[in-house]
Protein backbone atom coordinates (compact mmCIF):
# COMPACT_ATOMS: atom_id res chain seq x y z
CA MET A 1 -14.21 84.27 26.99
CA GLU A 2 -13.51 82.16 30.00
CA SER A 3 -15.28 79.34 30.49
CA TYR A 4 -16.27 77.32 34.17
CA ILE A 5 -16.57 73.25 34.14
CA ASN A 6 -15.13 72.98 37.71
CA VAL A 7 -16.42 73.52 40.96
CA ASN A 8 -15.10 77.26 42.53
CA PRO A 9 -13.49 75.99 45.91
CA ASP A 10 -14.44 79.27 47.60
CA GLU A 11 -17.91 79.22 46.83
CA PHE A 12 -18.55 75.59 47.52
CA GLN A 13 -17.15 76.32 50.99
CA LYS A 14 -19.92 79.28 51.74
CA PHE A 15 -22.44 76.85 50.24
CA LYS A 16 -21.51 73.74 52.39
CA GLU A 17 -21.47 76.08 55.67
CA GLU A 18 -24.71 77.96 54.74
CA VAL A 19 -26.88 75.28 53.05
CA GLY A 20 -28.43 73.76 56.37
CA ASN A 21 -30.76 70.87 56.48
CA VAL A 22 -33.43 71.75 53.72
CA PRO A 23 -33.96 70.39 50.37
CA VAL A 24 -31.15 71.54 47.99
CA ILE A 25 -32.25 72.92 44.59
CA MET A 26 -29.28 73.47 41.84
CA LEU A 27 -29.82 75.11 38.55
CA ASN A 28 -27.47 73.97 35.80
CA LEU A 29 -27.06 76.10 32.76
CA LEU A 30 -25.00 74.36 30.05
CA ARG A 31 -23.27 75.25 26.74
CA TYR A 32 -22.28 71.85 24.83
CA LYS A 33 -19.11 71.33 22.58
CA ASN A 34 -19.59 71.49 19.08
CA VAL A 35 -17.59 68.08 18.85
CA VAL A 36 -15.84 66.18 21.64
CA GLU A 37 -12.43 65.33 20.36
CA GLU A 38 -12.08 62.08 22.42
CA THR A 39 -14.98 60.40 21.02
CA GLY A 40 -16.00 62.59 17.75
CA GLU A 41 -19.79 62.95 18.96
CA THR A 42 -21.41 66.17 19.64
CA GLY A 43 -21.42 67.62 23.00
CA LYS A 44 -25.25 66.93 23.47
CA GLU A 45 -24.44 63.33 22.48
CA ALA A 46 -22.05 63.26 25.06
CA TYR A 47 -24.06 65.00 27.91
CA GLY A 48 -26.92 62.06 26.85
CA ALA A 49 -24.36 59.56 27.79
CA TYR A 50 -23.08 61.27 30.96
CA LEU A 51 -26.85 61.59 32.12
CA ASN A 52 -27.07 58.08 31.38
CA ALA A 53 -23.93 57.20 33.44
CA ALA A 54 -25.11 59.72 36.25
CA ALA A 55 -28.82 58.15 36.68
CA PRO A 56 -28.08 55.24 38.77
CA PHE A 57 -26.38 57.62 41.21
CA LEU A 58 -29.38 60.34 40.90
CA GLU A 59 -31.81 57.76 41.59
CA LYS A 60 -29.68 56.44 44.66
CA VAL A 61 -30.19 59.66 46.57
CA LYS A 62 -33.95 60.41 45.18
CA ALA A 63 -32.83 63.17 43.53
CA LYS A 64 -35.43 64.65 40.95
CA VAL A 65 -35.04 66.44 38.09
CA LEU A 66 -37.79 68.90 38.25
CA PHE A 67 -37.19 70.63 34.59
CA PHE A 68 -34.85 70.08 31.64
CA GLY A 69 -35.17 71.69 28.61
CA ALA A 70 -33.80 74.14 26.20
CA PRO A 71 -34.35 77.90 26.42
CA LYS A 72 -35.74 79.61 23.23
CA HIS A 73 -36.82 83.42 23.38
CA MET A 74 -35.19 86.00 25.69
CA LEU A 75 -38.06 88.04 26.72
CA ILE A 76 -36.18 90.35 28.84
CA GLY A 77 -32.63 90.92 28.42
CA PRO A 78 -29.92 91.36 25.74
CA THR A 79 -31.22 90.02 22.40
CA ASP A 80 -28.04 89.89 21.23
CA GLU A 81 -26.90 87.28 24.19
CA GLU A 82 -26.64 83.58 23.39
CA LEU A 83 -28.64 81.37 25.29
CA TRP A 84 -27.58 78.30 26.62
CA ASP A 85 -28.13 75.13 25.11
CA SER A 86 -29.67 73.33 28.05
CA VAL A 87 -31.36 74.08 31.59
CA ILE A 88 -31.55 71.68 34.01
CA VAL A 89 -32.92 72.05 37.56
CA VAL A 90 -32.58 69.15 40.10
CA GLN A 91 -33.85 68.64 43.64
CA TYR A 92 -31.71 67.02 46.17
CA ASP A 93 -33.40 66.17 49.76
CA SER A 94 -30.23 67.22 51.72
CA PHE A 95 -27.06 68.70 51.26
CA SER A 96 -25.41 65.53 51.97
CA ASP A 97 -27.36 63.62 49.45
CA PHE A 98 -26.10 66.02 46.75
CA ILE A 99 -22.31 65.91 47.72
CA GLY A 100 -22.50 62.13 48.43
CA MET A 101 -23.69 61.53 45.01
CA ALA A 102 -21.17 64.19 43.60
CA THR A 103 -18.40 62.35 45.09
CA ALA A 104 -19.23 58.53 45.11
CA GLU A 105 -16.95 56.24 43.93
CA GLY A 106 -17.40 55.68 40.05
CA TYR A 107 -19.47 58.80 39.53
CA PRO A 108 -19.23 59.97 35.91
CA SER A 109 -18.17 63.81 36.72
CA HIS A 110 -15.54 63.30 33.81
CA LEU A 111 -18.19 62.65 30.95
CA ARG A 112 -19.96 65.85 32.05
CA ALA A 113 -16.84 67.55 31.78
CA ARG A 114 -15.97 66.44 28.39
CA ALA A 115 -19.31 67.09 26.76
CA LEU A 116 -19.47 70.71 27.79
CA SER A 117 -17.53 74.00 26.75
CA ASP A 118 -19.45 76.26 29.53
CA SER A 119 -21.75 75.95 32.46
CA ARG A 120 -23.03 77.23 35.46
CA LEU A 121 -24.09 75.44 38.39
CA ILE A 122 -26.19 77.34 40.81
CA HIS A 123 -27.69 76.80 44.50
CA CYS A 124 -30.92 78.18 44.80
CA LYS A 125 -32.67 78.55 47.96
CA SER A 126 -36.37 79.21 48.27
CA ILE A 127 -37.65 82.28 49.50
CA GLN A 128 -39.82 80.36 51.63
CA GLN A 129 -37.29 78.75 53.15
CA THR A 130 -35.79 80.68 56.73
C-alpha cells in the first residue's frame, strides 16, 4: 500500500495559483507509525513532539487549530476500512501565512515525517468563498 508524507508538487502548484487572498483551511488525516525506529517511541508520541516544536511557528502566523481528535465510527462508508488515527483542521489567515510557516527556517517538518506512516493534507475551501 502506498503512503503519502510529502507534498505533491503538481497539486501544490495548483493550490498556490488558485487559493487567492482568503483564509486557508487545511484538513490533516494522520496515520501514526507503530514505533519510530530512531527513537523507540510510538508515532503518536513522536507526533506530540512535532506539535510542541511546531507550536511557536503556528502562533507566529496566528494559525487556529479548529479541531484535533480521533475518528471513532464510520457512519457512512465501508465499515471494513481502517479509520485514520487523528484528524486535525487548521485555519491560516492566508496562503502566505501557511507557506511562510511551512518553509520557515527551523520548522520541524522532519519530526512530522518521522512520526507518520501515512497522511493526507487537504486544502478545503468554504462554499461561501467565491
